Amino acid sequence: MKLANTIIPVLALLAATTGVQARGLLGQNYVEASVGFASVDVGAFSDVENWTYGLGGNYALLQTGDNSSIGLDIGGDVALLDGEGFEATGLSVDTVVYYDAGQFKPGIGLSLAYVFEGDNADDEFGGSVAALVEWEISKDTTLTPFIAYNRVEEGTDSWAYGSELAFWVNEHLNVGVTGSYDRYDNDIDGYSMMLNVRYGF
């Protein structure tokens, strides 16, 4: 995971911003835009690299409170993958069930996706299951480590081990950086980085 190169400038920005009421991303309503980069090491061949551009959102379907410590978020996004010699568009629906333990919120996420491959290959379904813990480092900063298992219809499996560092710049604006180490079939590995900008309402 190559998150280390981004943590220092992010923490410097945190020191210069004022906080808001303590909150993370779980249990919040927001829209988001993201841009990401991924690289896969395929051994003797050149690395496979691609950029991802996405638009999405999250809705707190079930919020925690005095009567319940269980929360449920649903969301979705559309993403354009722009790689070397290929393009694809993905649509996904996501849900996260989590337990609100105060400073820590462990959860389980499920994502279902459909990928339009264009002329490169057949369209296919995919999905992932993730375990995560959202940790409120401060009243406006969260660190969320995760482990995710991903699979597409043609049988390609992968595991992602990563984390997102996110903070609320003000009442509505949230910025996050995600990094992960990705492990594929046949001892192929890679990494991915993503910048997420969210508007909460």
Protein backbone atom coordinates (compact mmCIF):
# COMPACT_ATOMS: atom_id res chain seq x y z
CA MET A 1 0.00 0.00 0.00
CA LYS A 2 1.46 3.35 -1.02
CA LEU A 3 -0.60 5.60 1.22
CA ALA A 4 2.44 6.91 3.10
CA ASN A 5 3.29 9.50 0.44
CA THR A 6 -0.12 11.14 0.91
CA ILE A 7 -0.46 11.10 4.71
CA ILE A 8 1.99 13.91 5.52
CA PRO A 9 0.42 16.60 3.26
CA VAL A 10 -3.06 15.54 4.34
CA LEU A 11 -2.16 15.88 8.03
CA ALA A 12 -0.64 19.29 7.33
CA LEU A 13 -3.92 20.39 5.81
CA LEU A 14 -5.82 18.97 8.77
CA ALA A 15 -3.81 21.10 11.14
CA ALA A 16 -4.89 24.23 9.27
CA THR A 17 -8.62 23.48 9.16
CA THR A 18 -11.28 23.86 11.82
CA GLY A 19 -13.34 20.86 12.84
CA VAL A 20 -17.04 20.20 12.89
CA GLN A 21 -19.16 17.95 15.04
CA ALA A 22 -17.60 14.48 15.32
CA ARG A 23 -18.68 12.30 12.42
CA GLY A 24 -17.30 9.88 9.90
CA LEU A 25 -18.66 8.71 6.56
CA LEU A 26 -20.87 5.88 7.77
CA GLY A 27 -24.37 7.14 8.47
CA GLN A 28 -23.96 10.23 6.26
CA ASN A 29 -25.78 11.33 3.12
CA TYR A 30 -23.50 12.61 0.36
CA VAL A 31 -22.64 12.70 -3.31
CA GLU A 32 -19.08 12.13 -4.44
CA ALA A 33 -16.66 12.40 -7.32
CA SER A 34 -13.47 10.36 -7.51
CA VAL A 35 -10.38 9.82 -9.62
CA GLY A 36 -8.06 6.88 -9.21
CA PHE A 37 -5.04 5.08 -10.62
CA ALA A 38 -4.27 1.36 -10.56
CA SER A 39 -1.25 -0.66 -11.65
CA VAL A 40 -1.00 -4.45 -11.96
CA ASP A 41 2.35 -6.25 -12.16
CA VAL A 42 2.02 -9.08 -14.69
CA GLY A 43 5.57 -10.39 -14.38
CA ALA A 44 7.56 -10.51 -17.62
CA PHE A 45 5.05 -8.29 -19.40
CA SER A 46 4.63 -4.54 -19.00
CA ASP A 47 2.53 -3.45 -16.05
CA VAL A 48 -1.16 -2.99 -16.79
CA GLU A 49 -2.25 0.49 -15.74
CA ASN A 50 -5.56 2.32 -15.81
CA TRP A 51 -7.29 5.46 -14.59
CA THR A 52 -10.76 5.44 -13.06
CA TYR A 53 -13.22 8.35 -12.95
CA GLY A 54 -16.37 7.96 -10.88
CA LEU A 55 -19.56 9.65 -9.70
CA GLY A 56 -21.68 8.25 -6.88
CA GLY A 57 -23.38 8.78 -3.58
CA ASN A 58 -24.43 7.35 -0.24
CA TYR A 59 -27.71 7.36 1.68
CA ALA A 60 -28.12 6.44 5.34
CA LEU A 61 -31.13 4.14 5.14
CA LEU A 62 -30.97 3.19 8.83
CA GLN A 63 -29.21 5.54 11.23
CA THR A 64 -27.95 4.73 14.68
CA GLY A 65 -29.29 6.48 17.75
CA ASP A 66 -30.71 5.94 21.22
CA ASN A 67 -32.79 2.94 20.14
CA SER A 68 -30.28 1.10 17.93
CA SER A 69 -26.53 0.75 17.43
CA ILE A 70 -26.94 -0.88 14.00
CA GLY A 71 -26.73 1.29 10.89
CA LEU A 72 -27.36 0.56 7.21
CA ASP A 73 -26.03 2.60 4.29
CA ILE A 74 -26.84 2.12 0.60
CA GLY A 75 -25.13 3.74 -2.34
CA GLY A 76 -24.18 3.46 -5.97
CA ASP A 77 -21.80 4.80 -8.54
CA VAL A 78 -20.88 4.86 -12.20
CA ALA A 79 -17.21 4.58 -13.14
CA LEU A 80 -15.24 4.94 -16.36
CA LEU A 81 -12.07 2.82 -16.64
CA ASP A 82 -9.52 4.21 -19.07
CA GLY A 83 -6.63 1.83 -19.61
CA GLU A 84 -3.90 1.08 -22.13
CA GLY A 85 -5.82 -0.11 -25.17
CA PHE A 86 -9.17 -0.57 -23.45
CA GLU A 87 -12.08 1.30 -21.93
CA ALA A 88 -14.95 0.04 -19.80
CA THR A 89 -17.88 1.47 -17.86
CA GLY A 90 -19.08 0.01 -14.57
CA LEU A 91 -22.29 0.45 -12.61
CA SER A 92 -22.47 -0.68 -8.99
CA VAL A 93 -24.83 -0.82 -6.03
CA ASP A 94 -23.30 -0.89 -2.56
CA THR A 95 -24.53 -1.52 0.97
CA VAL A 96 -22.80 -1.45 4.36
CA VAL A 97 -24.14 -2.78 7.65
CA TYR A 98 -22.22 -1.47 10.65
CA TYR A 99 -22.23 -1.36 14.43
CA ASP A 100 -21.82 2.03 16.09
CA ALA A 101 -19.47 1.55 19.04
CA GLY A 102 -18.67 5.23 19.36
CA GLN A 103 -15.17 5.96 18.15
CA PHE A 104 -15.09 2.67 16.18
CA LYS A 105 -17.66 1.39 13.67
CA PRO A 106 -16.97 -2.13 12.39
CA GLY A 107 -18.97 -3.11 9.33
CA ILE A 108 -19.55 -5.51 6.45
CA GLY A 109 -19.95 -4.21 2.91
CA LEU A 110 -21.48 -5.84 -0.17
CA SER A 111 -21.17 -4.52 -3.72
CA LEU A 112 -22.77 -5.77 -6.95
CA ALA A 113 -21.56 -4.42 -10.30
CA TYR A 114 -22.11 -4.72 -14.04
CA VAL A 115 -19.26 -3.86 -16.37
CA PHE A 116 -19.75 -2.82 -20.00
CA GLU A 117 -16.57 -3.93 -21.76
CA GLY A 118 -17.36 -2.44 -25.19
CA ASP A 119 -15.46 -4.08 -28.07
CA ASN A 120 -12.74 -5.46 -25.81
CA ALA A 121 -14.64 -8.37 -24.25
CA ASP A 122 -18.06 -9.57 -23.19
CA ASP A 123 -19.95 -7.56 -20.59
CA GLU A 124 -19.94 -9.20 -17.18
CA PHE A 125 -21.25 -9.09 -13.62
CA GLY A 126 -19.05 -8.74 -10.58
CA GLY A 127 -19.24 -8.36 -6.86
CA SER A 128 -17.26 -7.88 -3.68
CA VAL A 129 -17.52 -8.48 0.06
CA ALA A 130 -15.55 -6.31 2.48
CA ALA A 131 -14.81 -6.13 6.18
CA LEU A 132 -13.98 -2.67 7.50
CA VAL A 133 -13.61 -0.57 10.65
CA GLU A 134 -14.18 3.17 10.60
CA TRP A 135 -12.02 4.81 13.27
CA GLU A 136 -12.78 8.41 14.25
CA ILE A 137 -9.26 9.72 14.89
CA SER A 138 -10.59 13.18 15.73
CA LYS A 139 -13.87 15.07 15.46
CA ASP A 140 -13.44 15.54 11.71
CA THR A 141 -10.96 12.81 10.68
CA THR A 142 -11.46 9.09 10.06
CA LEU A 143 -9.19 6.22 9.12
CA THR A 144 -10.94 3.16 7.67
CA PRO A 145 -8.86 0.01 7.08
CA PHE A 146 -10.54 -2.70 5.00
CA ILE A 147 -10.11 -6.14 3.46
CA ALA A 148 -12.17 -6.90 0.34
CA TYR A 149 -12.71 -10.02 -1.77
CA ASN A 150 -13.61 -9.29 -5.41
CA ARG A 151 -14.87 -11.58 -8.15
CA VAL A 152 -16.09 -11.10 -11.70
CA GLU A 153 -18.27 -13.39 -13.78
CA GLU A 154 -15.42 -14.91 -15.79
CA GLY A 155 -13.86 -16.22 -12.58
CA THR A 156 -11.10 -13.71 -11.83
CA ASP A 157 -10.61 -13.38 -8.08
CA SER A 158 -8.70 -10.73 -6.17
CA TRP A 159 -8.14 -9.48 -2.64
CA ALA A 160 -7.64 -5.84 -1.69
CA TYR A 161 -5.97 -4.75 1.56
CA GLY A 162 -6.13 -1.03 2.15
CA SER A 163 -7.37 1.99 4.02
CA GLU A 164 -8.98 5.39 3.50
CA LEU A 165 -8.00 8.56 5.33
CA ALA A 166 -10.84 11.10 5.14
CA PHE A 167 -11.61 14.42 6.76
CA TRP A 168 -14.38 17.02 6.82
CA VAL A 169 -13.01 20.37 5.68
CA ASN A 170 -16.25 22.04 6.76
CA GLU A 171 -19.87 21.09 7.39
CA HIS A 172 -20.42 19.85 3.84
CA LEU A 173 -17.06 19.14 2.18
CA ASN A 174 -15.20 15.88 2.78
CA VAL A 175 -11.93 14.82 1.13
CA GLY A 176 -10.51 11.30 1.28
CA VAL A 177 -7.49 9.38 -0.03
CA THR A 178 -7.69 5.60 -0.46
CA GLY A 179 -4.78 3.24 -1.05
CA SER A 180 -4.74 -0.54 -1.39
CA TYR A 181 -2.52 -3.48 -2.20
CA ASP A 182 -4.31 -5.81 -4.64
CA ARG A 183 -3.61 -9.53 -4.95
CA TYR A 184 -4.91 -11.45 -7.99
CA ASP A 185 -4.94 -15.06 -9.18
CA ASN A 186 -1.70 -16.65 -10.40
CA ASP A 187 0.49 -14.66 -7.99
CA ILE A 188 -0.23 -11.35 -9.75
CA ASP A 189 -0.30 -8.26 -7.58
CA GLY A 190 -0.68 -4.50 -7.89
CA TYR A 191 -1.79 -1.37 -6.12
CA SER A 192 -4.43 1.33 -6.48
CA MET A 193 -4.85 4.91 -5.26
CA MET A 194 -7.98 7.06 -5.29
CA LEU A 195 -8.91 10.64 -4.39
CA ASN A 196 -12.51 11.12 -3.25
CA VAL A 197 -14.30 14.47 -2.89
CA ARG A 198 -17.74 14.40 -1.22
CA TYR A 199 -20.53 16.90 -0.57
CA GLY A 200 -22.65 16.02 2.45
CA PHE A 201 -26.24 17.11 2.95
